[in-house]
Protein backbone atom coordinates (compact mmCIF):
# COMPACT_ATOMS: atom_id res chain seq x y z
CA MET A 1 6.27 70.07 -238.04
CA LYS A 2 8.16 73.23 -237.13
CA LYS A 3 11.94 72.82 -236.78
CA PRO A 4 13.32 73.81 -233.36
CA ASN A 5 15.06 77.09 -233.14
CA ILE A 6 18.84 76.86 -232.84
CA MET A 7 18.76 78.94 -229.68
CA THR A 8 16.29 76.58 -228.12
CA VAL A 9 18.53 73.66 -228.88
CA LEU A 10 21.51 75.43 -227.42
CA VAL A 11 19.59 76.30 -224.28
CA PHE A 12 18.41 72.72 -223.96
CA LEU A 13 21.91 71.31 -224.44
CA THR A 14 23.34 73.83 -222.01
CA GLY A 15 20.76 72.89 -219.40
CA LEU A 16 21.38 69.20 -219.96
CA LEU A 17 25.11 69.74 -219.60
CA CYS A 18 24.55 71.61 -216.35
CA ILE A 19 22.38 68.83 -215.02
CA VAL A 20 24.99 66.19 -215.95
CA SER A 21 27.79 68.29 -214.45
CA LEU A 22 25.79 68.79 -211.28
CA PHE A 23 25.17 65.05 -211.03
CA PHE A 24 28.84 64.18 -211.37
CA PHE A 25 29.79 66.92 -208.93
CA SER A 26 27.29 65.60 -206.39
CA TRP A 27 28.48 62.03 -206.89
CA SER A 28 32.13 63.08 -206.46
CA THR A 29 31.27 65.03 -203.31
CA TYR A 30 29.36 62.07 -201.92
CA ARG A 31 32.29 59.75 -202.51
CA GLN A 32 34.64 62.20 -200.82
CA ILE A 33 32.31 62.37 -197.82
CA ILE A 34 32.19 58.56 -197.59
CA SER A 35 35.97 58.37 -197.90
CA THR A 36 36.39 61.02 -195.21
CA GLU A 37 34.07 59.14 -192.87
CA LYS A 38 36.16 56.00 -193.37
CA ASP A 39 39.33 57.96 -192.63
CA VAL A 40 37.72 59.36 -189.48
CA ASP A 41 36.71 55.86 -188.38
CA ALA A 42 40.25 54.60 -188.97
CA VAL A 43 41.75 57.47 -187.02
CA SER A 44 39.21 56.88 -184.24
CA GLU A 45 40.24 53.22 -184.06
CA GLN A 46 43.90 54.22 -183.91
CA ILE A 47 43.16 56.66 -181.09
CA THR A 48 41.26 53.98 -179.19
CA ALA A 49 44.15 51.54 -179.63
CA LYS A 50 46.64 54.14 -178.43
CA GLN A 51 44.45 54.94 -175.42
CA SER A 52 44.38 51.21 -174.59
CA GLU A 53 48.17 51.03 -174.86
CA ILE A 54 48.55 54.09 -172.64
CA HIS A 55 46.17 52.60 -170.06
CA GLU A 56 48.09 49.31 -170.09
CA ALA A 57 51.39 51.16 -169.72
CA GLN A 58 49.96 53.16 -166.79
CA GLU A 59 48.90 49.90 -165.08
CA LYS A 60 52.36 48.38 -165.59
CA TYR A 61 53.97 51.56 -164.24
CA THR A 62 51.71 51.54 -161.18
CA SER A 63 52.45 47.86 -160.59
CA ALA A 64 56.18 48.48 -160.93
CA VAL A 65 56.02 51.40 -158.48
CA ASP A 66 54.05 49.29 -155.97
CA GLN A 67 56.55 46.42 -156.32
CA ALA A 68 59.49 48.78 -155.88
CA GLN A 69 57.90 50.27 -152.75
CA SER A 70 57.26 46.76 -151.41
CA ASN A 71 60.91 45.84 -151.99
CA ILE A 72 62.02 49.05 -150.26
CA ASP A 73 59.80 48.26 -147.26
CA ARG A 74 61.20 44.73 -147.07
CA LEU A 75 64.79 46.01 -147.23
CA LYS A 76 64.05 48.58 -144.51
CA GLN A 77 62.59 45.85 -142.31
CA LYS A 78 65.65 43.65 -142.92
CA GLU A 79 67.93 46.54 -141.95
CA LYS A 80 65.84 47.15 -138.84
CA ASN A 81 65.97 43.46 -137.90
CA LEU A 82 69.74 43.34 -138.37
CA SER A 83 70.15 46.49 -136.29
CA GLN A 84 67.96 45.10 -133.52
CA LYS A 85 69.84 41.80 -133.61
CA ASP A 86 73.21 43.56 -133.38
CA THR A 87 72.02 45.70 -130.45
CA LYS A 88 70.60 42.63 -128.71
CA GLU A 89 73.79 40.61 -129.17
CA LYS A 90 75.91 43.45 -127.79
CA ALA A 91 73.62 43.75 -124.78
CA GLU A 92 73.74 39.99 -124.17
CA VAL A 93 77.54 39.94 -124.36
CA SER A 94 77.74 42.84 -121.94
CA ALA A 95 75.28 41.27 -119.51
CA GLU A 96 76.99 37.88 -119.74
CA SER A 97 80.40 39.31 -118.95
CA SER A 98 79.20 41.42 -116.04
CA SER A 99 76.47 39.45 -114.31
CA LYS A 100 76.90 35.71 -114.92
CA PRO A 101 78.47 33.82 -112.03
CA SER A 102 81.72 31.98 -112.61
CA VAL A 103 82.29 28.42 -111.45
CA PHE A 104 85.72 27.02 -110.70
CA ASN A 105 86.39 23.50 -111.92
CA GLU A 106 89.01 21.97 -109.65
CA GLU A 107 89.74 19.05 -111.99
CA ASN A 108 91.11 21.12 -114.85
CA THR A 109 91.52 24.49 -113.09
CA SER A 110 89.44 26.17 -115.82
CA VAL A 111 86.76 28.78 -115.42
CA PHE A 112 83.45 28.57 -117.30
CA SER A 113 80.14 30.41 -117.27
CA ASP A 114 76.86 29.11 -115.90
CA SER A 115 74.87 28.49 -119.10
CA SER A 116 71.78 26.68 -117.83
CA ALA A 117 68.85 27.30 -120.20
CA THR A 118 65.98 29.37 -118.84
CA SER A 119 63.67 29.48 -121.89
CA SER A 120 61.53 27.04 -123.83
CA GLY A 121 64.34 25.99 -126.18
CA LEU A 122 66.27 24.20 -123.42
CA GLY A 123 69.12 23.61 -125.87
CA HIS A 124 67.09 21.60 -128.39
CA ILE A 125 68.68 21.56 -131.83
CA VAL A 126 66.42 22.48 -134.76
CA GLY A 127 67.35 21.98 -138.41
CA ILE A 128 65.92 24.55 -140.83
CA ASP A 129 65.96 24.17 -144.60
CA PRO A 130 65.06 27.22 -146.73
CA GLY A 131 63.72 25.32 -149.74
CA HIS A 132 65.20 25.67 -153.26
CA GLN A 133 67.90 28.12 -154.37
CA SER A 134 68.66 30.68 -157.08
CA GLU A 135 68.51 29.88 -160.77
CA ASN A 136 72.18 30.94 -160.84
CA VAL A 137 73.01 27.49 -159.45
CA ASP A 138 72.60 24.51 -161.78
CA MET A 139 71.13 21.66 -159.74
CA SER A 140 69.66 19.69 -162.63
CA ALA A 141 71.91 16.68 -162.03
CA LEU A 142 70.14 13.62 -160.63
CA GLU A 143 70.29 11.90 -157.25
CA PRO A 144 68.43 8.90 -155.71
CA ASN A 145 64.93 9.64 -154.39
CA GLY A 146 65.83 7.70 -151.23
CA PRO A 147 68.51 5.39 -149.82
CA GLY A 148 69.00 2.56 -152.34
CA SER A 149 66.34 3.94 -154.69
CA SER A 150 66.60 3.38 -158.44
CA GLU A 151 64.32 6.39 -159.01
CA MET A 152 66.37 9.47 -159.77
CA LYS A 153 65.29 13.08 -159.32
CA ALA A 154 66.87 16.50 -159.89
CA LYS A 155 69.03 17.56 -156.97
CA CYS A 156 67.06 20.76 -156.45
CA SER A 157 65.03 23.46 -158.23
CA THR A 158 64.25 27.16 -157.99
CA GLY A 159 60.62 26.75 -156.87
CA THR A 160 57.69 28.96 -157.77
CA GLN A 161 57.34 32.77 -157.84
CA GLY A 162 54.90 35.35 -156.51
CA SER A 163 52.26 36.05 -159.15
CA TYR A 164 51.60 39.46 -157.62
CA THR A 165 54.85 40.44 -155.86
CA GLY A 166 57.24 38.85 -158.35
CA VAL A 167 59.35 37.53 -155.44
CA PRO A 168 60.99 34.13 -156.14
CA GLU A 169 60.08 31.36 -153.71
CA TYR A 170 63.72 30.62 -152.87
CA GLU A 171 64.14 34.23 -151.73
CA LEU A 172 60.99 34.21 -149.57
CA ASN A 173 61.96 30.86 -148.03
CA LEU A 174 65.34 32.22 -146.98
CA GLU A 175 63.88 35.43 -145.52
CA ILE A 176 61.46 33.51 -143.32
CA SER A 177 64.09 30.93 -142.35
CA LEU A 178 66.57 33.60 -141.19
CA LEU A 179 63.85 35.30 -139.13
CA LEU A 180 62.89 31.90 -137.73
CA LYS A 181 66.51 31.19 -136.80
CA ASP A 182 66.74 34.44 -134.82
CA ALA A 183 63.41 33.83 -133.07
CA LEU A 184 64.34 30.27 -132.07
CA GLU A 185 67.79 31.24 -130.81
CA ALA A 186 66.21 33.99 -128.73
CA LYS A 187 64.20 31.25 -126.98
CA GLY A 188 67.22 29.08 -126.25
CA TYR A 189 67.18 26.73 -129.25
CA GLN A 190 70.26 25.83 -131.25
CA VAL A 191 69.67 26.18 -134.99
CA VAL A 192 71.32 24.47 -137.96
CA MET A 193 70.72 26.01 -141.40
CA THR A 194 71.15 24.17 -144.71
CA ARG A 195 71.84 27.47 -146.47
CA THR A 196 72.14 31.16 -145.56
CA ASP A 197 72.31 32.59 -149.08
CA ASN A 198 70.52 31.99 -152.37
CA ASP A 199 73.47 30.56 -154.29
CA THR A 200 74.47 27.61 -152.12
CA ALA A 201 74.80 24.45 -154.21
CA ILE A 202 73.42 21.78 -151.88
CA SER A 203 70.99 19.07 -152.98
CA ASN A 204 67.88 17.86 -151.18
CA MET A 205 69.65 14.63 -150.20
CA GLU A 206 72.69 16.53 -148.94
CA ARG A 207 70.51 18.90 -146.91
CA ALA A 208 68.86 16.05 -145.02
CA GLN A 209 72.22 14.37 -144.41
CA TYR A 210 73.83 17.62 -143.22
CA ILE A 211 71.01 18.36 -140.75
CA ALA A 212 71.34 14.90 -139.18
CA ALA A 213 75.14 15.15 -139.05
CA GLN A 214 74.83 18.37 -137.03
CA GLY A 215 72.77 16.63 -134.37
CA ALA A 216 69.43 18.26 -135.16
CA GLU A 217 66.45 16.68 -133.39
CA ILE A 218 63.88 17.83 -135.96
CA TYR A 219 64.05 18.95 -139.59
CA VAL A 220 61.77 21.85 -140.60
CA ARG A 221 61.71 22.59 -144.33
CA ILE A 222 60.34 26.02 -145.28
CA HIS A 223 58.49 26.29 -148.61
CA ALA A 224 55.72 28.23 -150.36
CA ASN A 225 53.09 26.76 -152.66
CA GLY A 226 51.78 27.39 -156.17
CA ASP A 227 48.70 26.37 -158.13
CA ASP A 228 47.17 26.82 -161.58
CA SER A 229 44.17 28.49 -159.92
CA HIS A 230 44.64 31.94 -158.39
CA THR A 231 41.84 31.24 -155.92
CA THR A 232 43.57 28.36 -154.11
CA SER A 233 44.98 29.56 -150.78
CA GLY A 234 46.02 28.37 -147.33
CA ALA A 235 48.82 26.47 -145.60
CA LEU A 236 49.63 22.79 -145.31
CA THR A 237 52.40 20.51 -144.11
CA MET A 238 53.91 17.38 -145.66
CA CYS A 239 55.47 14.35 -143.98
CA PRO A 240 56.21 10.66 -144.71
CA SER A 241 53.37 8.13 -144.54
CA PRO A 242 53.41 4.97 -142.40
CA SER A 243 54.09 3.00 -145.59
CA ASN A 244 57.03 5.13 -146.73
CA PRO A 245 59.60 2.68 -148.18
CA TYR A 246 62.55 4.57 -146.67
CA VAL A 247 61.54 6.29 -143.40
CA ALA A 248 58.30 4.67 -142.25
CA GLN A 249 59.62 4.79 -138.67
CA LEU A 250 59.59 8.60 -138.83
CA SER A 251 55.95 8.83 -139.87
CA GLU A 252 54.36 9.19 -136.43
CA PRO A 253 56.72 11.81 -134.94
CA SER A 254 56.84 13.64 -138.28
CA ALA A 255 53.04 13.77 -138.40
CA LYS A 256 52.95 15.21 -134.88
CA LEU A 257 55.60 17.79 -135.75
CA SER A 258 53.66 18.68 -138.91
CA GLN A 259 50.35 19.02 -137.05
CA ASP A 260 51.81 21.12 -134.21
CA ILE A 261 53.52 23.57 -136.57
CA LEU A 262 50.57 23.81 -138.98
CA ASP A 263 47.96 24.40 -136.27
CA SER A 264 50.03 27.09 -134.55
CA TYR A 265 50.97 28.71 -137.85
CA CYS A 266 47.37 28.94 -139.06
CA ALA A 267 46.18 30.18 -135.67
CA ALA A 268 48.73 33.01 -135.82
CA THR A 269 48.30 33.99 -139.48
CA GLY A 270 44.62 33.29 -140.04
CA PHE A 271 45.49 31.26 -143.14
CA GLN A 272 43.19 28.38 -144.03
CA ASN A 273 44.40 25.08 -142.54
CA LEU A 274 44.66 22.59 -145.41
CA GLY A 275 45.86 19.81 -143.13
CA VAL A 276 48.80 17.44 -142.88
CA GLN A 277 49.43 15.61 -146.15
CA TYR A 278 51.52 12.48 -146.66
CA TYR A 279 54.16 12.32 -149.40
CA ASP A 280 56.61 9.49 -150.04
CA ASN A 281 58.23 10.92 -153.17
CA MET A 282 60.12 13.85 -151.62
CA THR A 283 63.90 13.34 -151.66
CA GLY A 284 64.45 15.68 -148.73
CA ILE A 285 61.96 13.66 -146.65
CA ASN A 286 63.15 10.23 -147.73
CA TRP A 287 66.77 10.93 -146.79
CA SER A 288 65.96 12.36 -143.37
CA THR A 289 66.89 10.43 -140.24
CA VAL A 290 65.02 12.71 -137.80
CA PRO A 291 61.34 13.76 -137.68
CA VAL A 292 60.77 15.93 -140.73
CA THR A 293 58.10 18.27 -142.08
CA ILE A 294 57.64 20.56 -145.05
CA LEU A 295 55.65 23.70 -144.24
CA GLU A 296 53.97 25.13 -147.34
CA MET A 297 53.37 28.59 -145.87
CA GLY A 298 50.83 29.75 -148.45
CA PHE A 299 50.17 30.02 -152.17
CA MET A 300 52.31 32.53 -154.07
CA THR A 301 49.76 32.28 -156.90
CA ASN A 302 47.05 33.72 -154.62
CA GLU A 303 46.99 37.50 -154.21
CA ASN A 304 46.14 37.50 -150.50
CA ASP A 305 48.72 34.84 -149.57
CA ASP A 306 51.43 36.27 -151.82
CA THR A 307 51.17 39.87 -150.62
CA LYS A 308 50.90 38.89 -146.95
CA MET A 309 53.84 36.49 -147.02
CA ASN A 310 56.02 39.26 -148.47
CA ASN A 311 54.91 41.89 -145.96
CA PRO A 312 57.73 42.39 -143.39
CA GLU A 313 55.34 42.91 -140.46
CA PHE A 314 53.25 39.86 -141.35
CA GLN A 315 56.42 37.79 -141.70
CA GLN A 316 57.00 38.28 -137.97
CA THR A 317 53.53 36.83 -137.36
CA MET A 318 54.34 33.85 -139.59
CA VAL A 319 57.54 33.16 -137.67
CA THR A 320 55.75 33.44 -134.32
CA GLY A 321 53.31 30.76 -135.45
CA ILE A 322 56.11 28.38 -136.49
CA VAL A 323 58.01 28.91 -133.23
CA ASN A 324 54.86 28.24 -131.22
CA GLY A 325 54.39 24.95 -133.09
CA ILE A 326 57.97 23.88 -132.37
CA ASP A 327 57.48 24.75 -128.71
CA THR A 328 54.35 22.61 -128.64
CA TYR A 329 56.18 19.67 -130.21
CA PHE A 330 59.04 19.67 -127.73
CA ALA A 331 56.77 20.34 -124.74
CA ALA A 332 55.07 16.98 -125.34
CA SER A 333 58.19 15.02 -126.23
């Protein structure tokens, strides 16, 4: 057998070395490509996450802008209402001083104005309770659920909050109650308010007692509702049942008051009528000594109810419905 030539061996070894080098170079390149693809995927995921964060931030910004605009609109409407009220009061004072006849009372030689009522209020006295109050007031102390009751409940709470507007219930209740006060007084009613700001420390028991002490003939408690489901909507009223252990005698007139207000309110607003419901565990009802109702105006956890109840123009419609219900109640009494 002929021995291989040294040159042939060298050529063979050189070729083999080249093949091995090429293999390792290819393998290294392949691994770099795979690593690069992984890096690209990671960067792509980071970009996607950032885009999601940006989108979420844009939604929050848009929501904040919408809420701010809503608050601005509400403040403008409040300013407009106050301006109109001031103008109206000035006009009434002027008209009263210039056109009302004077009557001389011979017994005490005093002069007084003719103040006979000419509108539907006819001097009736209405008690209005804007439910709840600000979280700045600690009302966690307990009070009896009714006269002589051993069951104790917190004096008051802050209520619910708008899931879409962010407006606290206690704030909405006061806004509607103040508008309601103005509307009732314009029709000749006298109005007693349990609170006119959000920081008044007055319990549910004390509210009922105060309303009665002021001579109110009815007690209208203004509230808004909440529910775990965002689809639940509509208005309802609450009053004592005929078997209420404290105020059973108020059940019938309270039910009529509740029905009259609820029917008129729903007719005006278009809200679903969820009916009159009987509750015997409400401190503010159990301590009342006059016909009493709680109007749950709508659900602040429902987008339609929440946004409408916080719309200044729609609030006027809500108030009109409540006033019409009160008119109906007194017209039949």
